[in-house]
Amino acid sequence: MKNLFIASDHAGFDFKNKIVQYLQSKFNIVDLGPTSADSVDYPDYADRVCQSLKKETGAIGILICGSGQGMAIRANKYPFIRAALIYNDDLAKLSREHNDANVLCIGSRYCSIEEAQRWADIFLTTPFAGGRHETRVAKIGSSIS
């Protein structure tokens, strides 16, 4: 079983802990912090997940902050990351199915924990469709000058 790497900032700390508890029986979860709700810089925790994903092919990450946007922006700086900011069921499915997203980003201030858990389930169980999407996904990671 591949690892599931998860991290948050202070705004996503409670959601992170609840999602870890919810998923721990289904996945090998590696919690990369933080360990309290004290203020932290979200890019540091996005980096932890992304660097872990670089070392383990096929692993998946979850990042949680207040809006989810900061985590997604930082994670997508890495060419091997396809981080998707999710805010409904369809995006949770399509980001995996069409974009082969490998990082789920959630905004804890804009959803319920039940929604976040459902999106995690959808994201983690939806396979990449491949086919016509493979060429498009390859272009996502290519350099732009």
Protein backbone atom coordinates (compact mmCIF):
# COMPACT_ATOMS: atom_id res chain seq x y z
CA MET A 1 0.00 0.00 0.00
CA LYS A 2 1.31 3.44 -0.95
CA ASN A 3 1.61 6.11 1.69
CA LEU A 4 -0.85 8.95 2.04
CA PHE A 5 1.02 12.08 3.09
CA ILE A 6 -0.99 14.76 4.86
CA ALA A 7 -0.21 18.18 6.31
CA SER A 8 -1.96 21.42 7.16
CA ASP A 9 -1.38 24.84 8.58
CA HIS A 10 -2.92 26.09 11.82
CA ALA A 11 -6.28 26.83 10.14
CA GLY A 12 -6.52 23.27 8.86
CA PHE A 13 -5.13 21.55 11.95
CA ASP A 14 -8.45 20.25 13.33
CA PHE A 15 -9.61 19.07 9.89
CA LYS A 16 -6.28 17.31 9.35
CA ASN A 17 -6.61 15.38 12.59
CA LYS A 18 -10.21 14.40 11.84
CA ILE A 19 -9.33 13.28 8.31
CA VAL A 20 -6.38 11.25 9.61
CA GLN A 21 -8.67 9.55 12.11
CA TYR A 22 -11.29 8.94 9.41
CA LEU A 23 -8.84 7.43 6.89
CA GLN A 24 -6.38 5.63 9.14
CA SER A 25 -8.08 2.25 8.78
CA LYS A 26 -7.99 2.50 4.97
CA PHE A 27 -4.52 3.95 4.26
CA ASN A 28 -1.00 4.11 5.60
CA ILE A 29 -1.06 7.77 6.65
CA VAL A 30 2.06 9.83 7.22
CA ASP A 31 1.14 12.97 9.16
CA LEU A 32 3.71 15.66 8.36
CA GLY A 33 2.35 18.23 10.78
CA PRO A 34 1.87 20.52 12.37
CA THR A 35 1.46 19.04 15.84
CA SER A 36 -0.57 21.92 17.28
CA ALA A 37 -2.87 24.74 16.18
CA ASP A 38 -0.14 27.34 16.77
CA SER A 39 0.43 29.65 13.81
CA VAL A 40 2.70 28.21 11.09
CA ASP A 41 3.59 29.08 7.50
CA TYR A 42 1.59 26.90 5.10
CA PRO A 43 4.30 26.76 2.38
CA ASP A 44 6.58 24.86 4.77
CA TYR A 45 3.98 22.12 5.19
CA ALA A 46 3.13 21.99 1.48
CA ASP A 47 6.85 21.49 0.87
CA ARG A 48 6.95 18.57 3.31
CA VAL A 49 4.20 16.73 1.46
CA CYS A 50 5.61 17.50 -2.00
CA GLN A 51 9.13 16.41 -1.08
CA SER A 52 7.71 13.18 0.33
CA LEU A 53 5.76 12.56 -2.88
CA LYS A 54 8.94 13.10 -4.90
CA LYS A 55 10.52 10.17 -3.05
CA GLU A 56 7.58 7.76 -3.44
CA THR A 57 6.15 7.17 -6.90
CA GLY A 58 2.39 6.76 -6.90
CA ALA A 59 1.78 8.16 -3.44
CA ILE A 60 -0.95 10.72 -2.79
CA GLY A 61 -1.03 13.86 -0.65
CA ILE A 62 -3.62 15.91 1.17
CA LEU A 63 -3.03 19.55 2.13
CA ILE A 64 -5.41 21.62 4.24
CA CYS A 65 -5.36 25.31 5.04
CA GLY A 66 -8.03 27.95 5.58
CA SER A 67 -8.87 28.42 1.91
CA GLY A 68 -6.93 25.53 0.36
CA GLN A 69 -5.68 27.97 -2.24
CA GLY A 70 -2.31 28.79 -0.69
CA MET A 71 -1.46 25.13 -0.33
CA ALA A 72 -2.48 24.45 -3.95
CA ILE A 73 -0.43 27.37 -5.27
CA ARG A 74 2.68 26.28 -3.36
CA ALA A 75 2.33 22.60 -4.21
CA ASN A 76 1.91 23.33 -7.92
CA LYS A 77 5.35 24.98 -7.98
CA TYR A 78 6.73 21.43 -8.14
CA PRO A 79 6.68 20.02 -11.69
CA PHE A 80 5.74 16.51 -10.52
CA ILE A 81 2.75 17.74 -8.47
CA ARG A 82 -0.77 18.17 -9.74
CA ALA A 83 -2.56 19.73 -6.77
CA ALA A 84 -6.29 20.29 -7.05
CA LEU A 85 -8.32 22.66 -4.89
CA ILE A 86 -11.53 20.72 -4.30
CA TYR A 87 -14.86 22.20 -3.27
CA ASN A 88 -17.42 19.71 -4.56
CA ASP A 89 -17.86 16.02 -5.37
CA ASP A 90 -17.47 16.43 -9.14
CA LEU A 91 -14.11 18.16 -8.82
CA ALA A 92 -12.88 15.48 -6.43
CA LYS A 93 -13.66 12.87 -9.09
CA LEU A 94 -12.60 14.76 -12.22
CA SER A 95 -9.31 16.00 -10.78
CA ARG A 96 -8.24 12.36 -10.45
CA GLU A 97 -10.02 10.93 -13.48
CA HIS A 98 -8.98 13.59 -16.03
CA ASN A 99 -5.99 15.37 -14.44
CA ASP A 100 -4.35 12.52 -12.49
CA ALA A 101 -4.10 14.92 -9.53
CA ASN A 102 -1.83 13.61 -6.81
CA VAL A 103 -2.55 16.21 -4.12
CA LEU A 104 -5.99 17.03 -2.73
CA CYS A 105 -6.23 20.58 -1.32
CA ILE A 106 -9.07 21.51 1.01
CA GLY A 107 -10.13 24.85 2.50
CA SER A 108 -11.24 24.17 6.06
CA ARG A 109 -13.06 27.49 6.36
CA TYR A 110 -15.29 26.78 3.36
CA CYS A 111 -16.66 23.28 3.95
CA SER A 112 -17.81 20.92 6.64
CA ILE A 113 -15.66 18.06 7.88
CA GLU A 114 -18.21 15.66 6.40
CA GLU A 115 -17.75 17.21 2.95
CA ALA A 116 -13.97 17.10 3.29
CA GLN A 117 -14.08 13.42 4.27
CA ARG A 118 -16.38 12.60 1.36
CA TRP A 119 -14.08 14.45 -1.08
CA ALA A 120 -11.09 12.56 0.31
CA ASP A 121 -12.93 9.26 -0.25
CA ILE A 122 -13.82 10.19 -3.83
CA PHE A 123 -10.33 11.51 -4.60
CA LEU A 124 -8.58 8.49 -3.13
CA THR A 125 -10.75 5.89 -4.85
CA THR A 126 -11.07 7.41 -8.33
CA PRO A 127 -8.53 6.08 -10.82
CA PHE A 128 -6.94 8.10 -13.62
CA ALA A 129 -8.83 7.41 -16.84
CA GLY A 130 -5.72 7.60 -19.03
CA GLY A 131 -6.40 7.53 -22.76
CA ARG A 132 -6.87 10.97 -24.26
CA HIS A 133 -6.06 12.54 -20.90
CA GLU A 134 -2.48 11.20 -20.81
CA THR A 135 -1.14 13.68 -23.37
CA ARG A 136 -2.83 16.57 -21.59
CA VAL A 137 -1.48 15.56 -18.20
CA ALA A 138 2.02 15.27 -19.67
CA LYS A 139 1.72 18.87 -20.88
CA ILE A 140 0.82 20.06 -17.37
CA GLY A 141 4.28 19.09 -16.10
CA SER A 142 6.23 20.45 -19.05
CA SER A 143 8.22 23.67 -18.76
CA ILE A 144 6.85 26.96 -19.99
CA SER A 145 9.25 29.63 -21.16
